[in-house]
Every structure is written in C-alpha cells, then in structure tokens.
Amino acid sequence: MLGVRRWTELVIDREKWRGIVRQAKAHRGLQRQRKKKKKKKEEEEEEKKKKNKKKKKKKEEEEEKEEEEKKKKEEEKKEKEEEEEKKKKKKKKKKKKKKKKKKKKKKKKKKKKKKKTLQNSIGSHCHVQP
C-alpha cells in the first residue's frame, strides 16, 4: 500500500522506519481495517458476555430448582415424621385404654370374688336350716 521497498534496510535506520510506521497508522485503509477488527472484537466480547449471562442465569435457575426440591424433600420428611409420631401416640393411647379396660375387668372380677367369698362365708356362718 505504502510502496515501501527495501524495508530491511529502512528498519536499520530508526527515524526513517518510525516515519513509515506513522504513515501506515495514518493510512485510511489501515484505519478501516483496525476499526473493523476493533468492532469485530467488541461484538465477540458482547456475544461472550451474553453467553455468560445465559449460562449464569441457567445455573441460577438450576440451583433454585435444587433448593426447591430440597425444601420439598425436607417438608415431606417432616410430614412423614409427624405422621409416624401421631401413629405412635395413637398406639400408646390404645394400649393405655386396653390396660385400663383390663384393670377394670380385674377389679370387677375381684369384687365379684369378694362378694362370692363374703356370701359364702356369711352363708357358712349362718346356719339357716330350711
């Protein structure tokens, strides 16, 4: 573009080479290329950012789902434990009721026995002849 010949010799002379570099930087065609590259790079960075945002959002959603599932499992576990506790309490109540019934029956039997023994003892003491 700039028509530089014998550039290997120009590289040795720093001042001349700097002048060529300045000209190259100022050249319109090169400026456009730089702008295009810069724009392309910016677009790529934006795409990366968008992808990262999507990934981050997706990851957050997955984490939220996992948390919700954990909460559900914990709630279910608590409910199960509560149900088991209720069942145990019911069983205990039933056992207590059964024990009370048995005690009542025993008491009644004892009373009947006492009555019979009392009647028998009274009957044997009283010599009532027919």
C-alpha atoms as a PDB file:
ATOM      1  CA  MET A   1       0.000   0.000   0.000  1.00  0.00           C
ATOM      2  CA  LEU A   2       2.608   2.465   1.025  1.00  0.00           C
ATOM      3  CA  GLY A   3       5.054   1.216  -1.551  1.00  0.00           C
ATOM      4  CA  VAL A   4       7.945   0.571   0.804  1.00  0.00           C
ATOM      5  CA  ARG A   5      10.872  -1.063  -0.862  1.00  0.00           C
ATOM      6  CA  ARG A   6      13.993  -2.307   0.758  1.00  0.00           C
ATOM      7  CA  TRP A   7      12.257  -2.313   4.103  1.00  0.00           C
ATOM      8  CA  THR A   8      15.012  -4.430   5.611  1.00  0.00           C
ATOM      9  CA  GLU A   9      17.421  -1.534   5.099  1.00  0.00           C
ATOM     10  CA  LEU A  10      14.888   1.003   6.434  1.00  0.00           C
ATOM     11  CA  VAL A  11      14.435  -0.984   9.615  1.00  0.00           C
ATOM     12  CA  ILE A  12      18.079  -0.312  10.461  1.00  0.00           C
ATOM     13  CA  ASP A  13      17.535   3.455  10.336  1.00  0.00           C
ATOM     14  CA  ARG A  14      15.122   4.036  13.201  1.00  0.00           C
ATOM     15  CA  GLU A  15      13.968   7.527  12.271  1.00  0.00           C
ATOM     16  CA  LYS A  16      13.013   6.560   8.743  1.00  0.00           C
ATOM     17  CA  TRP A  17      11.252   3.448   9.987  1.00  0.00           C
ATOM     18  CA  ARG A  18       9.268   5.466  12.552  1.00  0.00           C
ATOM     19  CA  GLY A  19       8.136   7.803   9.797  1.00  0.00           C
ATOM     20  CA  ILE A  20       6.902   4.836   7.737  1.00  0.00           C
ATOM     21  CA  VAL A  21       5.084   3.435  10.755  1.00  0.00           C
ATOM     22  CA  ARG A  22       3.398   6.836  11.330  1.00  0.00           C
ATOM     23  CA  GLN A  23       2.334   6.939   7.707  1.00  0.00           C
ATOM     24  CA  ALA A  24       0.975   3.403   7.955  1.00  0.00           C
ATOM     25  CA  LYS A  25      -1.032   4.281  11.052  1.00  0.00           C
ATOM     26  CA  ALA A  26      -2.444   7.354   9.340  1.00  0.00           C
ATOM     27  CA  HIS A  27      -3.336   5.447   6.160  1.00  0.00           C
ATOM     28  CA  ARG A  28      -7.116   5.252   5.665  1.00  0.00           C
ATOM     29  CA  GLY A  29      -7.202   1.658   4.521  1.00  0.00           C
ATOM     30  CA  LEU A  30      -5.343   0.531   7.621  1.00  0.00           C
ATOM     31  CA  GLN A  31      -7.548   2.642   9.868  1.00  0.00           C
ATOM     32  CA  ARG A  32     -10.632   0.996   8.430  1.00  0.00           C
ATOM     33  CA  GLN A  33      -9.104  -2.420   8.970  1.00  0.00           C
ATOM     34  CA  ARG A  34      -8.322  -1.520  12.577  1.00  0.00           C
ATOM     35  CA  LYS A  35     -11.840  -0.250  13.122  1.00  0.00           C
ATOM     36  CA  LYS A  36     -13.282  -3.415  11.622  1.00  0.00           C
ATOM     37  CA  LYS A  37     -11.067  -5.552  13.816  1.00  0.00           C
ATOM     38  CA  LYS A  38     -11.946  -3.500  16.861  1.00  0.00           C
ATOM     39  CA  LYS A  39     -15.655  -3.660  16.093  1.00  0.00           C
ATOM     40  CA  LYS A  40     -15.477  -7.393  15.470  1.00  0.00           C
ATOM     41  CA  LYS A  41     -13.603  -7.887  18.724  1.00  0.00           C
ATOM     42  CA  GLU A  42     -16.193  -5.831  20.624  1.00  0.00           C
ATOM     43  CA  GLU A  43     -19.019  -7.846  19.061  1.00  0.00           C
ATOM     44  CA  GLU A  44     -17.312 -11.089  20.042  1.00  0.00           C
ATOM     45  CA  GLU A  45     -16.891  -9.811  23.600  1.00  0.00           C
ATOM     46  CA  GLU A  46     -20.574  -8.860  23.718  1.00  0.00           C
ATOM     47  CA  GLU A  47     -21.535 -12.317  22.498  1.00  0.00           C
ATOM     48  CA  LYS A  48     -19.329 -13.868  25.160  1.00  0.00           C
ATOM     49  CA  LYS A  49     -20.960 -11.684  27.791  1.00  0.00           C
ATOM     50  CA  LYS A  50     -24.421 -12.697  26.577  1.00  0.00           C
ATOM     51  CA  LYS A  51     -23.462 -16.369  26.633  1.00  0.00           C
ATOM     52  CA  ASN A  52     -22.005 -15.995  30.098  1.00  0.00           C
ATOM     53  CA  LYS A  53     -25.182 -14.246  31.255  1.00  0.00           C
ATOM     54  CA  LYS A  54     -27.289 -17.052  29.828  1.00  0.00           C
ATOM     55  CA  LYS A  55     -25.101 -19.670  31.470  1.00  0.00           C
ATOM     56  CA  LYS A  56     -25.201 -17.822  34.757  1.00  0.00           C
ATOM     57  CA  LYS A  57     -28.966 -17.435  34.582  1.00  0.00           C
ATOM     58  CA  LYS A  58     -29.401 -21.094  33.702  1.00  0.00           C
ATOM     59  CA  LYS A  59     -27.126 -22.108  36.558  1.00  0.00           C
ATOM     60  CA  GLU A  60     -29.071 -19.916  38.993  1.00  0.00           C
ATOM     61  CA  GLU A  61     -32.354 -21.436  37.822  1.00  0.00           C
ATOM     62  CA  GLU A  62     -30.944 -24.932  38.306  1.00  0.00           C
ATOM     63  CA  GLU A  63     -29.742 -24.015  41.787  1.00  0.00           C
ATOM     64  CA  GLU A  64     -33.178 -22.602  42.629  1.00  0.00           C
ATOM     65  CA  LYS A  65     -34.811 -25.811  41.401  1.00  0.00           C
ATOM     66  CA  GLU A  66     -32.428 -27.870  43.502  1.00  0.00           C
ATOM     67  CA  GLU A  67     -33.197 -25.730  46.544  1.00  0.00           C
ATOM     68  CA  GLU A  68     -36.933 -26.109  45.960  1.00  0.00           C
ATOM     69  CA  GLU A  69     -36.534 -29.872  45.619  1.00  0.00           C
ATOM     70  CA  LYS A  70     -34.524 -29.972  48.848  1.00  0.00           C
ATOM     71  CA  LYS A  71     -37.208 -27.963  50.624  1.00  0.00           C
ATOM     72  CA  LYS A  72     -39.910 -30.273  49.299  1.00  0.00           C
ATOM     73  CA  LYS A  73     -37.988 -33.330  50.432  1.00  0.00           C
ATOM     74  CA  GLU A  74     -37.433 -31.812  53.858  1.00  0.00           C
ATOM     75  CA  GLU A  75     -41.122 -30.934  54.154  1.00  0.00           C
ATOM     76  CA  GLU A  76     -42.118 -34.439  53.097  1.00  0.00           C
ATOM     77  CA  LYS A  77     -39.691 -35.890  55.597  1.00  0.00           C
ATOM     78  CA  LYS A  78     -41.114 -33.686  58.359  1.00  0.00           C
ATOM     79  CA  GLU A  79     -44.641 -34.670  57.404  1.00  0.00           C
ATOM     80  CA  LYS A  80     -43.699 -38.345  57.485  1.00  0.00           C
ATOM     81  CA  GLU A  81     -42.079 -37.938  60.873  1.00  0.00           C
ATOM     82  CA  GLU A  82     -45.146 -36.113  62.174  1.00  0.00           C
ATOM     83  CA  GLU A  83     -47.421 -38.847  60.844  1.00  0.00           C
ATOM     84  CA  GLU A  84     -45.259 -41.511  62.455  1.00  0.00           C
ATOM     85  CA  GLU A  85     -45.326 -39.580  65.714  1.00  0.00           C
ATOM     86  CA  LYS A  86     -49.126 -39.367  65.543  1.00  0.00           C
ATOM     87  CA  LYS A  87     -49.346 -43.091  64.864  1.00  0.00           C
ATOM     88  CA  LYS A  88     -47.119 -43.811  67.843  1.00  0.00           C
ATOM     89  CA  LYS A  89     -49.266 -41.598  70.047  1.00  0.00           C
ATOM     90  CA  LYS A  90     -52.422 -43.351  68.858  1.00  0.00           C
ATOM     91  CA  LYS A  91     -50.862 -46.730  69.592  1.00  0.00           C
ATOM     92  CA  LYS A  92     -49.885 -45.571  73.069  1.00  0.00           C
ATOM     93  CA  LYS A  93     -53.417 -44.310  73.690  1.00  0.00           C
ATOM     94  CA  LYS A  94     -54.867 -47.614  72.522  1.00  0.00           C
ATOM     95  CA  LYS A  95     -52.500 -49.508  74.791  1.00  0.00           C
ATOM     96  CA  LYS A  96     -53.453 -47.305  77.718  1.00  0.00           C
ATOM     97  CA  LYS A  97     -57.149 -47.842  77.012  1.00  0.00           C
ATOM     98  CA  LYS A  98     -56.621 -51.591  76.824  1.00  0.00           C
ATOM     99  CA  LYS A  99     -54.718 -51.539  80.102  1.00  0.00           C
ATOM    100  CA  LYS A 100     -57.479 -49.509  81.733  1.00  0.00           C
ATOM    101  CA  LYS A 101     -60.108 -51.935  80.455  1.00  0.00           C
ATOM    102  CA  LYS A 102     -58.091 -54.872  81.751  1.00  0.00           C
ATOM    103  CA  LYS A 103     -57.709 -53.202  85.128  1.00  0.00           C
ATOM    104  CA  LYS A 104     -61.439 -52.510  85.272  1.00  0.00           C
ATOM    105  CA  LYS A 105     -62.210 -56.126  84.379  1.00  0.00           C
ATOM    106  CA  LYS A 106     -59.790 -57.355  87.043  1.00  0.00           C
ATOM    107  CA  LYS A 107     -61.359 -55.055  89.610  1.00  0.00           C
ATOM    108  CA  LYS A 108     -64.835 -56.281  88.693  1.00  0.00           C
ATOM    109  CA  LYS A 109     -63.673 -59.882  88.930  1.00  0.00           C
ATOM    110  CA  LYS A 110     -62.078 -59.198  92.307  1.00  0.00           C
ATOM    111  CA  LYS A 111     -65.278 -57.536  93.530  1.00  0.00           C
ATOM    112  CA  LYS A 112     -67.333 -60.481  92.331  1.00  0.00           C
ATOM    113  CA  LYS A 113     -64.948 -62.888  94.028  1.00  0.00           C
ATOM    114  CA  LYS A 114     -65.082 -60.874  97.213  1.00  0.00           C
ATOM    115  CA  LYS A 115     -68.872 -60.841  97.045  1.00  0.00           C
ATOM    116  CA  LYS A 116     -68.983 -64.571  96.482  1.00  0.00           C
ATOM    117  CA  THR A 117     -66.490 -65.254  99.253  1.00  0.00           C
ATOM    118  CA  LEU A 118     -68.424 -62.900 101.517  1.00  0.00           C
ATOM    119  CA  GLN A 119     -71.685 -64.592 100.630  1.00  0.00           C
ATOM    120  CA  ASN A 120     -70.140 -67.986 101.075  1.00  0.00           C
ATOM    121  CA  SER A 121     -68.591 -67.021 104.377  1.00  0.00           C
ATOM    122  CA  ILE A 122     -71.840 -65.421 105.564  1.00  0.00           C
ATOM    123  CA  GLY A 123     -73.785 -68.405 104.328  1.00  0.00           C
ATOM    124  CA  SER A 124     -71.497 -70.817 106.115  1.00  0.00           C
ATOM    125  CA  HIS A 125     -71.650 -68.838 109.377  1.00  0.00           C
ATOM    126  CA  CYS A 126     -75.315 -68.556 109.268  1.00  0.00           C
ATOM    127  CA  HIS A 127     -76.758 -71.910 109.814  1.00  0.00           C
ATOM    128  CA  VAL A 128     -80.077 -71.339 108.418  1.00  0.00           C
ATOM    129  CA  GLN A 129     -81.873 -74.533 108.050  1.00  0.00           C
ATOM    130  CA  PRO A 130     -84.640 -74.862 105.656  1.00  0.00           C
END
